[in-house]
Amino acid sequence: MDIESFRELCISRPGVTEEFPFDNNTLVFKVMGKMFALADVDHFVSINLKCDPEEAIRLREHYAGIRPGYHMNKKHWNTIEMDGSVPDAVVRELISESYRLVVNGLTRKMREELEGMK
């Protein structure tokens, strides 16, 4: 998967915005203001995605290209290497799961607002 495909997968979801809050090369995707995905646009070698803590451990044990989130809460975030060691289909699923986890953590009012955007 390349940076353009990654971006399209993220930005196509309801309520998602993209920004560079940390520096000029760390692209952050947020749903209703809450982060669910990050990547370096200059060196697209990995992405950070939110993950259920138990699932995060299982994924790290199963895929050499998945490790605890770089510069993130290592319990709730994984870094996925974009070197092909994790199949694109799995990466797409992990992006969807990250988005879903963040949406589920939104307030009821924010989830209702998000539903209105669909």
PDB file of N, CA and C in Angstrom:
ATOM      1  N   MET A   1       0.848  -1.178   0.000  1.00  0.00           N
ATOM      2  CA  MET A   1       0.000   0.000   0.000  1.00  0.00           C
ATOM      3  C   MET A   1       0.893   1.241   0.000  1.00  0.00           C
ATOM      4  N   ASP A   2       0.513   2.210  -0.790  1.00  0.00           N
ATOM      5  CA  ASP A   2       1.279   3.456  -0.843  1.00  0.00           C
ATOM      6  C   ASP A   2       0.541   4.551  -0.063  1.00  0.00           C
ATOM      7  N   ILE A   3       1.186   5.692   0.058  1.00  0.00           N
ATOM      8  CA  ILE A   3       0.637   6.795   0.854  1.00  0.00           C
ATOM      9  C   ILE A   3      -0.701   7.289   0.308  1.00  0.00           C
ATOM     10  N   GLU A   4      -0.848   7.295  -1.013  1.00  0.00           N
ATOM     11  CA  GLU A   4      -2.106   7.765  -1.598  1.00  0.00           C
ATOM     12  C   GLU A   4      -3.262   6.835  -1.243  1.00  0.00           C
ATOM     13  N   SER A   5      -3.034   5.527  -1.315  1.00  0.00           N
ATOM     14  CA  SER A   5      -4.074   4.551  -0.965  1.00  0.00           C
ATOM     15  C   SER A   5      -4.421   4.652   0.512  1.00  0.00           C
ATOM     16  N   PHE A   6      -3.407   4.783   1.348  1.00  0.00           N
ATOM     17  CA  PHE A   6      -3.620   4.941   2.786  1.00  0.00           C
ATOM     18  C   PHE A   6      -4.470   6.179   3.051  1.00  0.00           C
ATOM     19  N   ARG A   7      -4.104   7.293   2.442  1.00  0.00           N
ATOM     20  CA  ARG A   7      -4.838   8.542   2.645  1.00  0.00           C
ATOM     21  C   ARG A   7      -6.294   8.395   2.212  1.00  0.00           C
ATOM     22  N   GLU A   8      -6.518   7.805   1.042  1.00  0.00           N
ATOM     23  CA  GLU A   8      -7.887   7.628   0.535  1.00  0.00           C
ATOM     24  C   GLU A   8      -8.728   6.775   1.480  1.00  0.00           C
ATOM     25  N   LEU A   9      -8.139   5.704   2.007  1.00  0.00           N
ATOM     26  CA  LEU A   9      -8.864   4.847   2.947  1.00  0.00           C
ATOM     27  C   LEU A   9      -9.274   5.615   4.196  1.00  0.00           C
ATOM     28  N   CYS A  10      -8.398   6.454   4.675  1.00  0.00           N
ATOM     29  CA  CYS A  10      -8.685   7.212   5.898  1.00  0.00           C
ATOM     30  C   CYS A  10      -9.675   8.340   5.656  1.00  0.00           C
ATOM     31  N   ILE A  11      -9.429   9.161   4.657  1.00  0.00           N
ATOM     32  CA  ILE A  11     -10.214  10.379   4.452  1.00  0.00           C
ATOM     33  C   ILE A  11     -11.630  10.083   3.940  1.00  0.00           C
ATOM     34  N   SER A  12     -11.852   8.892   3.393  1.00  0.00           N
ATOM     35  CA  SER A  12     -13.164   8.560   2.838  1.00  0.00           C
ATOM     36  C   SER A  12     -14.221   8.263   3.902  1.00  0.00           C
ATOM     37  N   ARG A  13     -13.807   8.123   5.134  1.00  0.00           N
ATOM     38  CA  ARG A  13     -14.748   7.800   6.198  1.00  0.00           C
ATOM     39  C   ARG A  13     -15.461   9.066   6.705  1.00  0.00           C
ATOM     40  N   PRO A  14     -16.698   8.911   7.170  1.00  0.00           N
ATOM     41  CA  PRO A  14     -17.456  10.070   7.661  1.00  0.00           C
ATOM     42  C   PRO A  14     -16.768  10.760   8.836  1.00  0.00           C
ATOM     43  N   GLY A  15     -16.794  12.087   8.820  1.00  0.00           N
ATOM     44  CA  GLY A  15     -16.296  12.886   9.931  1.00  0.00           C
ATOM     45  C   GLY A  15     -14.790  12.990  10.040  1.00  0.00           C
ATOM     46  N   VAL A  16     -14.065  12.523   9.026  1.00  0.00           N
ATOM     47  CA  VAL A  16     -12.595  12.503   9.099  1.00  0.00           C
ATOM     48  C   VAL A  16     -12.002  13.784   8.534  1.00  0.00           C
ATOM     49  N   THR A  17     -11.012  14.290   9.263  1.00  0.00           N
ATOM     50  CA  THR A  17     -10.211  15.419   8.794  1.00  0.00           C
ATOM     51  C   THR A  17      -8.753  14.991   8.813  1.00  0.00           C
ATOM     52  N   GLU A  18      -7.939  15.707   8.060  1.00  0.00           N
ATOM     53  CA  GLU A  18      -6.502  15.438   8.050  1.00  0.00           C
ATOM     54  C   GLU A  18      -5.772  16.731   8.370  1.00  0.00           C
ATOM     55  N   GLU A  19      -4.667  16.596   9.102  1.00  0.00           N
ATOM     56  CA  GLU A  19      -3.909  17.785   9.473  1.00  0.00           C
ATOM     57  C   GLU A  19      -2.480  17.398   9.832  1.00  0.00           C
ATOM     58  N   PHE A  20      -1.677  18.409  10.053  1.00  0.00           N
ATOM     59  CA  PHE A  20      -0.276  18.249  10.443  1.00  0.00           C
ATOM     60  C   PHE A  20      -0.059  18.976  11.776  1.00  0.00           C
ATOM     61  N   PRO A  21      -0.570  18.421  12.885  1.00  0.00           N
ATOM     62  CA  PRO A  21      -0.491  19.138  14.162  1.00  0.00           C
ATOM     63  C   PRO A  21       0.883  19.127  14.828  1.00  0.00           C
ATOM     64  N   PHE A  22       1.740  18.187  14.466  1.00  0.00           N
ATOM     65  CA  PHE A  22       3.026  18.036  15.148  1.00  0.00           C
ATOM     66  C   PHE A  22       4.190  18.661  14.395  1.00  0.00           C
ATOM     67  N   ASP A  23       4.208  18.466  13.073  1.00  0.00           N
ATOM     68  CA  ASP A  23       5.283  18.983  12.230  1.00  0.00           C
ATOM     69  C   ASP A  23       4.792  18.973  10.781  1.00  0.00           C
ATOM     70  N   ASN A  24       5.686  19.226   9.847  1.00  0.00           N
ATOM     71  CA  ASN A  24       5.281  19.311   8.439  1.00  0.00           C
ATOM     72  C   ASN A  24       5.230  17.974   7.718  1.00  0.00           C
ATOM     73  N   ASN A  25       5.598  16.871   8.382  1.00  0.00           N
ATOM     74  CA  ASN A  25       5.568  15.594   7.677  1.00  0.00           C
ATOM     75  C   ASN A  25       4.757  14.504   8.369  1.00  0.00           C
ATOM     76  N   THR A  26       4.232  14.739   9.574  1.00  0.00           N
ATOM     77  CA  THR A  26       3.403  13.728  10.233  1.00  0.00           C
ATOM     78  C   THR A  26       1.932  14.038   9.963  1.00  0.00           C
ATOM     79  N   LEU A  27       1.367  13.266   9.033  1.00  0.00           N
ATOM     80  CA  LEU A  27      -0.032  13.433   8.649  1.00  0.00           C
ATOM     81  C   LEU A  27      -0.900  12.680   9.649  1.00  0.00           C
ATOM     82  N   VAL A  28      -1.859  13.394  10.240  1.00  0.00           N
ATOM     83  CA  VAL A  28      -2.738  12.824  11.256  1.00  0.00           C
ATOM     84  C   VAL A  28      -4.172  12.851  10.740  1.00  0.00           C
ATOM     85  N   PHE A  29      -4.844  11.709  10.873  1.00  0.00           N
ATOM     86  CA  PHE A  29      -6.257  11.611  10.529  1.00  0.00           C
ATOM     87  C   PHE A  29      -7.049  11.539  11.817  1.00  0.00           C
ATOM     88  N   LYS A  30      -8.101  12.360  11.884  1.00  0.00           N
ATOM     89  CA  LYS A  30      -8.950  12.422  13.067  1.00  0.00           C
ATOM     90  C   LYS A  30     -10.399  12.224  12.662  1.00  0.00           C
ATOM     91  N   VAL A  31     -11.159  11.589  13.548  1.00  0.00           N
ATOM     92  CA  VAL A  31     -12.607  11.520  13.383  1.00  0.00           C
ATOM     93  C   VAL A  31     -13.199  12.321  14.533  1.00  0.00           C
ATOM     94  N   MET A  32     -13.951  13.342  14.191  1.00  0.00           N
ATOM     95  CA  MET A  32     -14.567  14.223  15.178  1.00  0.00           C
ATOM     96  C   MET A  32     -13.515  14.754  16.157  1.00  0.00           C
ATOM     97  N   GLY A  33     -12.320  15.065  15.629  1.00  0.00           N
ATOM     98  CA  GLY A  33     -11.259  15.661  16.430  1.00  0.00           C
ATOM     99  C   GLY A  33     -10.392  14.685  17.201  1.00  0.00           C
ATOM    100  N   LYS A  34     -10.629  13.374  17.070  1.00  0.00           N
ATOM    101  CA  LYS A  34      -9.863  12.358  17.799  1.00  0.00           C
ATOM    102  C   LYS A  34      -9.019  11.544  16.817  1.00  0.00           C
ATOM    103  N   MET A  35      -7.724  11.407  17.124  1.00  0.00           N
ATOM    104  CA  MET A  35      -6.800  10.702  16.227  1.00  0.00           C
ATOM    105  C   MET A  35      -7.134   9.222  16.104  1.00  0.00           C
ATOM    106  N   PHE A  36      -7.026   8.722  14.848  1.00  0.00           N
ATOM    107  CA  PHE A  36      -7.132   7.283  14.642  1.00  0.00           C
ATOM    108  C   PHE A  36      -6.037   6.743  13.731  1.00  0.00           C
ATOM    109  N   ALA A  37      -5.292   7.606  13.042  1.00  0.00           N
ATOM    110  CA  ALA A  37      -4.222   7.139  12.161  1.00  0.00           C
ATOM    111  C   ALA A  37      -3.194   8.244  11.952  1.00  0.00           C
ATOM    112  N   LEU A  38      -1.918   7.839  11.858  1.00  0.00           N
ATOM    113  CA  LEU A  38      -0.818   8.774  11.626  1.00  0.00           C
ATOM    114  C   LEU A  38       0.182   8.130  10.666  1.00  0.00           C
ATOM    115  N   ALA A  39       0.856   8.976   9.891  1.00  0.00           N
ATOM    116  CA  ALA A  39       1.915   8.493   9.001  1.00  0.00           C
ATOM    117  C   ALA A  39       2.852   9.637   8.645  1.00  0.00           C
ATOM    118  N   ASP A  40       4.087   9.289   8.380  1.00  0.00           N
ATOM    119  CA  ASP A  40       5.073  10.251   7.890  1.00  0.00           C
ATOM    120  C   ASP A  40       4.931  10.313   6.380  1.00  0.00           C
ATOM    121  N   VAL A  41       4.610  11.486   5.849  1.00  0.00           N
ATOM    122  CA  VAL A  41       4.387  11.603   4.404  1.00  0.00           C
ATOM    123  C   VAL A  41       5.683  11.651   3.607  1.00  0.00           C
ATOM    124  N   ASP A  42       6.784  12.058   4.223  1.00  0.00           N
ATOM    125  CA  ASP A  42       8.066  12.095   3.520  1.00  0.00           C
ATOM    126  C   ASP A  42       8.706  10.726   3.426  1.00  0.00           C
ATOM    127  N   HIS A  43       8.546   9.932   4.476  1.00  0.00           N
ATOM    128  CA  HIS A  43       9.124   8.587   4.532  1.00  0.00           C
ATOM    129  C   HIS A  43       8.018   7.630   4.942  1.00  0.00           C
ATOM    130  N   PHE A  44       7.212   7.219   3.983  1.00  0.00           N
ATOM    131  CA  PHE A  44       6.052   6.363   4.265  1.00  0.00           C
ATOM    132  C   PHE A  44       6.519   4.919   4.470  1.00  0.00           C
ATOM    133  N   VAL A  45       7.097   4.681   5.642  1.00  0.00           N
ATOM    134  CA  VAL A  45       7.610   3.340   5.953  1.00  0.00           C
ATOM    135  C   VAL A  45       6.761   2.642   7.006  1.00  0.00           C
ATOM    136  N   SER A  46       5.922   3.410   7.723  1.00  0.00           N
ATOM    137  CA  SER A  46       5.056   2.816   8.731  1.00  0.00           C
ATOM    138  C   SER A  46       3.878   3.735   9.002  1.00  0.00           C
ATOM    139  N   ILE A  47       2.852   3.153   9.630  1.00  0.00           N
ATOM    140  CA  ILE A  47       1.685   3.919  10.052  1.00  0.00           C
ATOM    141  C   ILE A  47       1.383   3.558  11.504  1.00  0.00           C
ATOM    142  N   ASN A  48       0.748   4.451  12.223  1.00  0.00           N
ATOM    143  CA  ASN A  48       0.300   4.189  13.584  1.00  0.00           C
ATOM    144  C   ASN A  48      -1.221   4.132  13.583  1.00  0.00           C
ATOM    145  N   LEU A  49      -1.760   3.081  14.209  1.00  0.00           N
ATOM    146  CA  LEU A  49      -3.204   2.895  14.295  1.00  0.00           C
ATOM    147  C   LEU A  49      -3.594   2.494  15.705  1.00  0.00           C
ATOM    148  N   LYS A  50      -4.744   2.959  16.137  1.00  0.00           N
ATOM    149  CA  LYS A  50      -5.282   2.579  17.439  1.00  0.00           C
ATOM    150  C   LYS A  50      -5.733   1.119  17.364  1.00  0.00           C
ATOM    151  N   CYS A  51      -5.637   0.402  18.498  1.00  0.00           N
ATOM    152  CA  CYS A  51      -5.991  -1.005  18.501  1.00  0.00           C
ATOM    153  C   CYS A  51      -6.453  -1.419  19.894  1.00  0.00           C
ATOM    154  N   ASP A  52      -7.369  -2.362  19.962  1.00  0.00           N
ATOM    155  CA  ASP A  52      -7.761  -2.962  21.218  1.00  0.00           C
ATOM    156  C   ASP A  52      -6.517  -3.577  21.865  1.00  0.00           C
ATOM    157  N   PRO A  53      -6.278  -3.348  23.156  1.00  0.00           N
ATOM    158  CA  PRO A  53      -5.046  -3.824  23.782  1.00  0.00           C
ATOM    159  C   PRO A  53      -4.770  -5.325  23.626  1.00  0.00           C
ATOM    160  N   GLU A  54      -5.778  -6.167  23.794  1.00  0.00           N
ATOM    161  CA  GLU A  54      -5.563  -7.612  23.641  1.00  0.00           C
ATOM    162  C   GLU A  54      -5.268  -7.972  22.193  1.00  0.00           C
ATOM    163  N   GLU A  55      -5.980  -7.356  21.282  1.00  0.00           N
ATOM    164  CA  GLU A  55      -5.746  -7.602  19.859  1.00  0.00           C
ATOM    165  C   GLU A  55      -4.369  -7.093  19.446  1.00  0.00           C
ATOM    166  N   ALA A  56      -3.943  -5.978  20.029  1.00  0.00           N
ATOM    167  CA  ALA A  56      -2.623  -5.420  19.715  1.00  0.00           C
ATOM    168  C   ALA A  56      -1.526  -6.440  20.014  1.00  0.00           C
ATOM    169  N   ILE A  57      -1.628  -7.092  21.161  1.00  0.00           N
ATOM    170  CA  ILE A  57      -0.630  -8.099  21.528  1.00  0.00           C
ATOM    171  C   ILE A  57      -0.662  -9.270  20.549  1.00  0.00           C
ATOM    172  N   ARG A  58      -1.859  -9.755  20.227  1.00  0.00           N
ATOM    173  CA  ARG A  58      -1.992 -10.876  19.288  1.00  0.00           C
ATOM    174  C   ARG A  58      -1.388 -10.539  17.935  1.00  0.00           C
ATOM    175  N   LEU A  59      -1.664  -9.332  17.438  1.00  0.00           N
ATOM    176  CA  LEU A  59      -1.137  -8.913  16.137  1.00  0.00           C
ATOM    177  C   LEU A  59       0.385  -8.827  16.162  1.00  0.00           C
ATOM    178  N   ARG A  60       0.945  -8.317  17.246  1.00  0.00           N
ATOM    179  CA  ARG A  60       2.404  -8.203  17.366  1.00  0.00           C
ATOM    180  C   ARG A  60       3.068  -9.572  17.376  1.00  0.00           C
ATOM    181  N   GLU A  61       2.395 -10.543  17.970  1.00  0.00           N
ATOM    182  CA  GLU A  61       2.935 -11.901  18.002  1.00  0.00           C
ATOM    183  C   GLU A  61       2.834 -12.580  16.645  1.00  0.00           C
ATOM    184  N   HIS A  62       1.817 -12.220  15.869  1.00  0.00           N
ATOM    185  CA  HIS A  62       1.564 -12.881  14.587  1.00  0.00           C
ATOM    186  C   HIS A  62       2.335 -12.271  13.416  1.00  0.00           C
ATOM    187  N   TYR A  63       2.524 -10.956  13.420  1.00  0.00           N
ATOM    188  CA  TYR A  63       3.171 -10.265  12.304  1.00  0.00           C
ATOM    189  C   TYR A  63       4.460  -9.583  12.764  1.00  0.00           C
ATOM    190  N   ALA A  64       5.546  -9.899  12.079  1.00  0.00           N
ATOM    191  CA  ALA A  64       6.830  -9.258  12.395  1.00  0.00           C
ATOM    192  C   ALA A  64       6.776  -7.756  12.127  1.00  0.00           C
ATOM    193  N   GLY A  65       5.906  -7.324  11.210  1.00  0.00           N
ATOM    194  CA  GLY A  65       5.801  -5.924  10.829  1.00  0.00           C
ATOM    195  C   GLY A  65       4.865  -5.103  11.698  1.00  0.00           C
ATOM    196  N   ILE A  66       4.407  -5.664  12.822  1.00  0.00           N
ATOM    197  CA  ILE A  66       3.555  -4.907  13.750  1.00  0.00           C
ATOM    198  C   ILE A  66       4.241  -4.895  15.104  1.00  0.00           C
ATOM    199  N   ARG A  67       4.400  -3.673  15.622  1.00  0.00           N
ATOM    200  CA  ARG A  67       5.068  -3.518  16.923  1.00  0.00           C
ATOM    201  C   ARG A  67       4.348  -2.443  17.732  1.00  0.00           C
ATOM    202  N   PRO A  68       4.705  -2.288  19.009  1.00  0.00           N
ATOM    203  CA  PRO A  68       4.050  -1.252  19.818  1.00  0.00           C
ATOM    204  C   PRO A  68       4.186   0.126  19.171  1.00  0.00           C
ATOM    205  N   GLY A  69       3.182   0.946  19.330  1.00  0.00           N
ATOM    206  CA  GLY A  69       3.123   2.258  18.695  1.00  0.00           C
ATOM    207  C   GLY A  69       4.312   3.151  19.003  1.00  0.00           C
ATOM    208  N   TYR A  70       4.980   3.588  17.965  1.00  0.00           N
ATOM    209  CA  TYR A  70       6.128   4.480  18.075  1.00  0.00           C
ATOM    210  C   TYR A  70       5.652   5.855  18.511  1.00  0.00           C
ATOM    211  N   HIS A  71       6.189   6.369  19.611  1.00  0.00           N
ATOM    212  CA  HIS A  71       5.810   7.670  20.187  1.00  0.00           C
ATOM    213  C   HIS A  71       4.332   7.741  20.579  1.00  0.00           C
ATOM    214  N   MET A  72       3.720   6.583  20.847  1.00  0.00           N
ATOM    215  CA  MET A  72       2.300   6.535  21.201  1.00  0.00           C
ATOM    216  C   MET A  72       2.142   5.678  22.461  1.00  0.00           C
ATOM    217  N   ASN A  73       0.934   5.655  23.003  1.00  0.00           N
ATOM    218  CA  ASN A  73       0.630   4.760  24.111  1.00  0.00           C
ATOM    219  C   ASN A  73       0.730   3.330  23.584  1.00  0.00           C
ATOM    220  N   LYS A  74       1.705   2.599  24.042  1.00  0.00           N
ATOM    221  CA  LYS A  74       2.009   1.285  23.489  1.00  0.00           C
ATOM    222  C   LYS A  74       0.947   0.230  23.799  1.00  0.00           C
ATOM    223  N   LYS A  75       0.091   0.512  24.753  1.00  0.00           N
ATOM    224  CA  LYS A  75      -1.002  -0.406  25.065  1.00  0.00           C
ATOM    225  C   LYS A  75      -2.116  -0.300  24.028  1.00  0.00           C
ATOM    226  N   HIS A  76      -2.355   0.912  23.529  1.00  0.00           N
ATOM    227  CA  HIS A  76      -3.506   1.164  22.660  1.00  0.00           C
ATOM    228  C   HIS A  76      -3.157   1.449  21.197  1.00  0.00           C
ATOM    229  N   TRP A  77      -1.872   1.527  20.861  1.00  0.00           N
ATOM    230  CA  TRP A  77      -1.481   1.875  19.499  1.00  0.00           C
ATOM    231  C   TRP A  77      -0.445   0.888  18.971  1.00  0.00           C
ATOM    232  N   ASN A  78      -0.556   0.566  17.697  1.00  0.00           N
ATOM    233  CA  ASN A  78       0.430  -0.255  17.001  1.00  0.00           C
ATOM    234  C   ASN A  78       1.066   0.543  15.875  1.00  0.00           C
ATOM    235  N   THR A  79       2.321   0.250  15.604  1.00  0.00           N
ATOM    236  CA  THR A  79       2.998   0.746  14.415  1.00  0.00           C
ATOM    237  C   THR A  79       3.048  -0.415  13.432  1.00  0.00           C
ATOM    238  N   ILE A  80       2.569  -0.178  12.225  1.00  0.00           N
ATOM    239  CA  ILE A  80       2.553  -1.195  11.179  1.00  0.00           C
ATOM    240  C   ILE A  80       3.565  -0.809  10.118  1.00  0.00           C
ATOM    241  N   GLU A  81       4.533  -1.671   9.891  1.00  0.00           N
ATOM    242  CA  GLU A  81       5.538  -1.434   8.852  1.00  0.00           C
ATOM    243  C   GLU A  81       4.875  -1.595   7.484  1.00  0.00           C
ATOM    244  N   MET A  82       5.163  -0.683   6.589  1.00  0.00           N
ATOM    245  CA  MET A  82       4.567  -0.712   5.252  1.00  0.00           C
ATOM    246  C   MET A  82       5.538  -1.337   4.239  1.00  0.00           C
ATOM    247  N   ASP A  83       6.212  -2.389   4.670  1.00  0.00           N
ATOM    248  CA  ASP A  83       7.202  -3.062   3.830  1.00  0.00           C
ATOM    249  C   ASP A  83       6.661  -4.323   3.164  1.00  0.00           C
ATOM    250  N   GLY A  84       5.352  -4.563   3.284  1.00  0.00           N
ATOM    251  CA  GLY A  84       4.746  -5.749   2.690  1.00  0.00           C
ATOM    252  C   GLY A  84       4.668  -6.933   3.641  1.00  0.00           C
ATOM    253  N   SER A  85       5.251  -6.823   4.825  1.00  0.00           N
ATOM    254  CA  SER A  85       5.207  -7.934   5.777  1.00  0.00           C
ATOM    255  C   SER A  85       3.809  -8.125   6.378  1.00  0.00           C
ATOM    256  N   VAL A  86       2.994  -7.082   6.315  1.00  0.00           N
ATOM    257  CA  VAL A  86       1.591  -7.171   6.729  1.00  0.00           C
ATOM    258  C   VAL A  86       0.763  -6.987   5.452  1.00  0.00           C
ATOM    259  N   PRO A  87      -0.044  -7.982   5.082  1.00  0.00           N
ATOM    260  CA  PRO A  87      -0.825  -7.882   3.840  1.00  0.00           C
ATOM    261  C   PRO A  87      -1.723  -6.640   3.810  1.00  0.00           C
ATOM    262  N   ASP A  88      -1.885  -6.070   2.618  1.00  0.00           N
ATOM    263  CA  ASP A  88      -2.725  -4.877   2.461  1.00  0.00           C
ATOM    264  C   ASP A  88      -4.144  -5.092   2.996  1.00  0.00           C
ATOM    265  N   ALA A  89      -4.679  -6.289   2.803  1.00  0.00           N
ATOM    266  CA  ALA A  89      -6.036  -6.570   3.303  1.00  0.00           C
ATOM    267  C   ALA A  89      -6.085  -6.438   4.820  1.00  0.00           C
ATOM    268  N   VAL A  90      -5.052  -6.885   5.495  1.00  0.00           N
ATOM    269  CA  VAL A  90      -4.986  -6.762   6.962  1.00  0.00           C
ATOM    270  C   VAL A  90      -4.835  -5.294   7.347  1.00  0.00           C
ATOM    271  N   VAL A  91      -4.008  -4.549   6.628  1.00  0.00           N
ATOM    272  CA  VAL A  91      -3.828  -3.120   6.907  1.00  0.00           C
ATOM    273  C   VAL A  91      -5.167  -2.395   6.757  1.00  0.00           C
ATOM    274  N   ARG A  92      -5.920  -2.718   5.708  1.00  0.00           N
ATOM    275  CA  ARG A  92      -7.234  -2.086   5.519  1.00  0.00           C
ATOM    276  C   ARG A  92      -8.159  -2.400   6.702  1.00  0.00           C
ATOM    277  N   GLU A  93      -8.156  -3.641   7.161  1.00  0.00           N
ATOM    278  CA  GLU A  93      -8.972  -4.027   8.311  1.00  0.00           C
ATOM    279  C   GLU A  93      -8.545  -3.264   9.565  1.00  0.00           C
ATOM    280  N   LEU A  94      -7.243  -3.103   9.748  1.00  0.00           N
ATOM    281  CA  LEU A  94      -6.734  -2.415  10.935  1.00  0.00           C
ATOM    282  C   LEU A  94      -7.086  -0.927  10.912  1.00  0.00           C
ATOM    283  N   ILE A  95      -7.094  -0.326   9.734  1.00  0.00           N
ATOM    284  CA  ILE A  95      -7.525   1.074   9.606  1.00  0.00           C
ATOM    285  C   ILE A  95      -8.999   1.193   9.989  1.00  0.00           C
ATOM    286  N   SER A  96      -9.824   0.283   9.482  1.00  0.00           N
ATOM    287  CA  SER A  96     -11.251   0.293   9.811  1.00  0.00           C
ATOM    288  C   SER A  96     -11.471   0.099  11.302  1.00  0.00           C
ATOM    289  N   GLU A  97     -10.723  -0.819  11.904  1.00  0.00           N
ATOM    290  CA  GLU A  97     -10.858  -1.082  13.331  1.00  0.00           C
ATOM    291  C   GLU A  97     -10.423   0.122  14.165  1.00  0.00           C
ATOM    292  N   SER A  98      -9.356   0.787  13.765  1.00  0.00           N
ATOM    293  CA  SER A  98      -8.889   1.975  14.471  1.00  0.00           C
ATOM    294  C   SER A  98      -9.973   3.058  14.447  1.00  0.00           C
ATOM    295  N   TYR A  99     -10.537   3.284  13.272  1.00  0.00           N
ATOM    296  CA  TYR A  99     -11.619   4.260  13.122  1.00  0.00           C
ATOM    297  C   TYR A  99     -12.789   3.884  14.029  1.00  0.00           C
ATOM    298  N   ARG A 100     -13.190   2.602  13.999  1.00  0.00           N
ATOM    299  CA  ARG A 100     -14.332   2.133  14.782  1.00  0.00           C
ATOM    300  C   ARG A 100     -14.095   2.318  16.279  1.00  0.00           C
ATOM    301  N   LEU A 101     -12.895   1.995  16.744  1.00  0.00           N
ATOM    302  CA  LEU A 101     -12.573   2.161  18.159  1.00  0.00           C
ATOM    303  C   LEU A 101     -12.712   3.611  18.603  1.00  0.00           C
ATOM    304  N   VAL A 102     -12.222   4.524  17.778  1.00  0.00           N
ATOM    305  CA  VAL A 102     -12.301   5.945  18.134  1.00  0.00           C
ATOM    306  C   VAL A 102     -13.757   6.416  18.108  1.00  0.00           C
ATOM    307  N   VAL A 103     -14.511   6.004  17.101  1.00  0.00           N
ATOM    308  CA  VAL A 103     -15.930   6.381  17.034  1.00  0.00           C
ATOM    309  C   VAL A 103     -16.672   5.857  18.260  1.00  0.00           C
ATOM    310  N   ASN A 104     -16.400   4.618  18.642  1.00  0.00           N
ATOM    311  CA  ASN A 104     -17.074   4.044  19.808  1.00  0.00           C
ATOM    312  C   ASN A 104     -16.739   4.793  21.101  1.00  0.00           C
ATOM    313  N   GLY A 105     -15.591   5.454  21.130  1.00  0.00           N
ATOM    314  CA  GLY A 105     -15.191   6.217  22.304  1.00  0.00           C
ATOM    315  C   GLY A 105     -15.704   7.644  22.336  1.00  0.00           C
ATOM    316  N   LEU A 106     -16.373   8.074  21.270  1.00  0.00           N
ATOM    317  CA  LEU A 106     -16.932   9.421  21.217  1.00  0.00           C
ATOM    318  C   LEU A 106     -18.141   9.538  22.133  1.00  0.00           C
ATOM    319  N   THR A 107     -18.457  10.753  22.497  1.00  0.00           N
ATOM    320  CA  THR A 107     -19.675  10.969  23.279  1.00  0.00           C
ATOM    321  C   THR A 107     -20.891  10.628  22.422  1.00  0.00           C
ATOM    322  N   ARG A 108     -21.991  10.370  23.088  1.00  0.00           N
ATOM    323  CA  ARG A 108     -23.226  10.051  22.365  1.00  0.00           C
ATOM    324  C   ARG A 108     -23.601  11.180  21.398  1.00  0.00           C
ATOM    325  N   LYS A 109     -23.462  12.406  21.870  1.00  0.00           N
ATOM    326  CA  LYS A 109     -23.793  13.571  21.036  1.00  0.00           C
ATOM    327  C   LYS A 109     -22.913  13.600  19.781  1.00  0.00           C
ATOM    328  N   MET A 110     -21.613  13.333  19.957  1.00  0.00           N
ATOM    329  CA  MET A 110     -20.695  13.341  18.815  1.00  0.00           C
ATOM    330  C   MET A 110     -21.014  12.203  17.846  1.00  0.00           C
ATOM    331  N   ARG A 111     -21.372  11.021  18.369  1.00  0.00           N
ATOM    332  CA  ARG A 111     -21.734   9.895  17.490  1.00  0.00           C
ATOM    333  C   ARG A 111     -22.996  10.213  16.698  1.00  0.00           C
ATOM    334  N   GLU A 112     -23.959  10.876  17.348  1.00  0.00           N
ATOM    335  CA  GLU A 112     -25.183  11.272  16.640  1.00  0.00           C
ATOM    336  C   GLU A 112     -24.877  12.278  15.557  1.00  0.00           C
ATOM    337  N   GLU A 113     -23.993  13.217  15.847  1.00  0.00           N
ATOM    338  CA  GLU A 113     -23.572  14.204  14.836  1.00  0.00           C
ATOM    339  C   GLU A 113     -22.887  13.496  13.666  1.00  0.00           C
ATOM    340  N   LEU A 114     -22.048  12.534  13.983  1.00  0.00           N
ATOM    341  CA  LEU A 114     -21.357  11.758  12.946  1.00  0.00           C
ATOM    342  C   LEU A 114     -22.348  10.996  12.077  1.00  0.00           C
ATOM    343  N   GLU A 115     -23.363  10.399  12.708  1.00  0.00           N
ATOM    344  CA  GLU A 115     -24.403   9.681  11.948  1.00  0.00           C
ATOM    345  C   GLU A 115     -25.082  10.598  10.940  1.00  0.00           C
ATOM    346  N   GLY A 116     -25.250  11.857  11.292  1.00  0.00           N
ATOM    347  CA  GLY A 116     -25.865  12.815  10.389  1.00  0.00           C
ATOM    348  C   GLY A 116     -25.016  13.178   9.192  1.00  0.00           C
ATOM    349  N   MET A 117     -23.723  12.847   9.248  1.00  0.00           N
ATOM    350  CA  MET A 117     -22.797  13.144   8.150  1.00  0.00           C
ATOM    351  C   MET A 117     -22.797  12.057   7.081  1.00  0.00           C
ATOM    352  N   LYS A 118     -23.369  10.911   7.381  1.00  0.00           N
ATOM    353  CA  LYS A 118     -23.339   9.780   6.440  1.00  0.00           C
ATOM    354  C   LYS A 118     -24.302   9.964   5.301  1.00  0.00           C
TER     355      LYS A 118
END
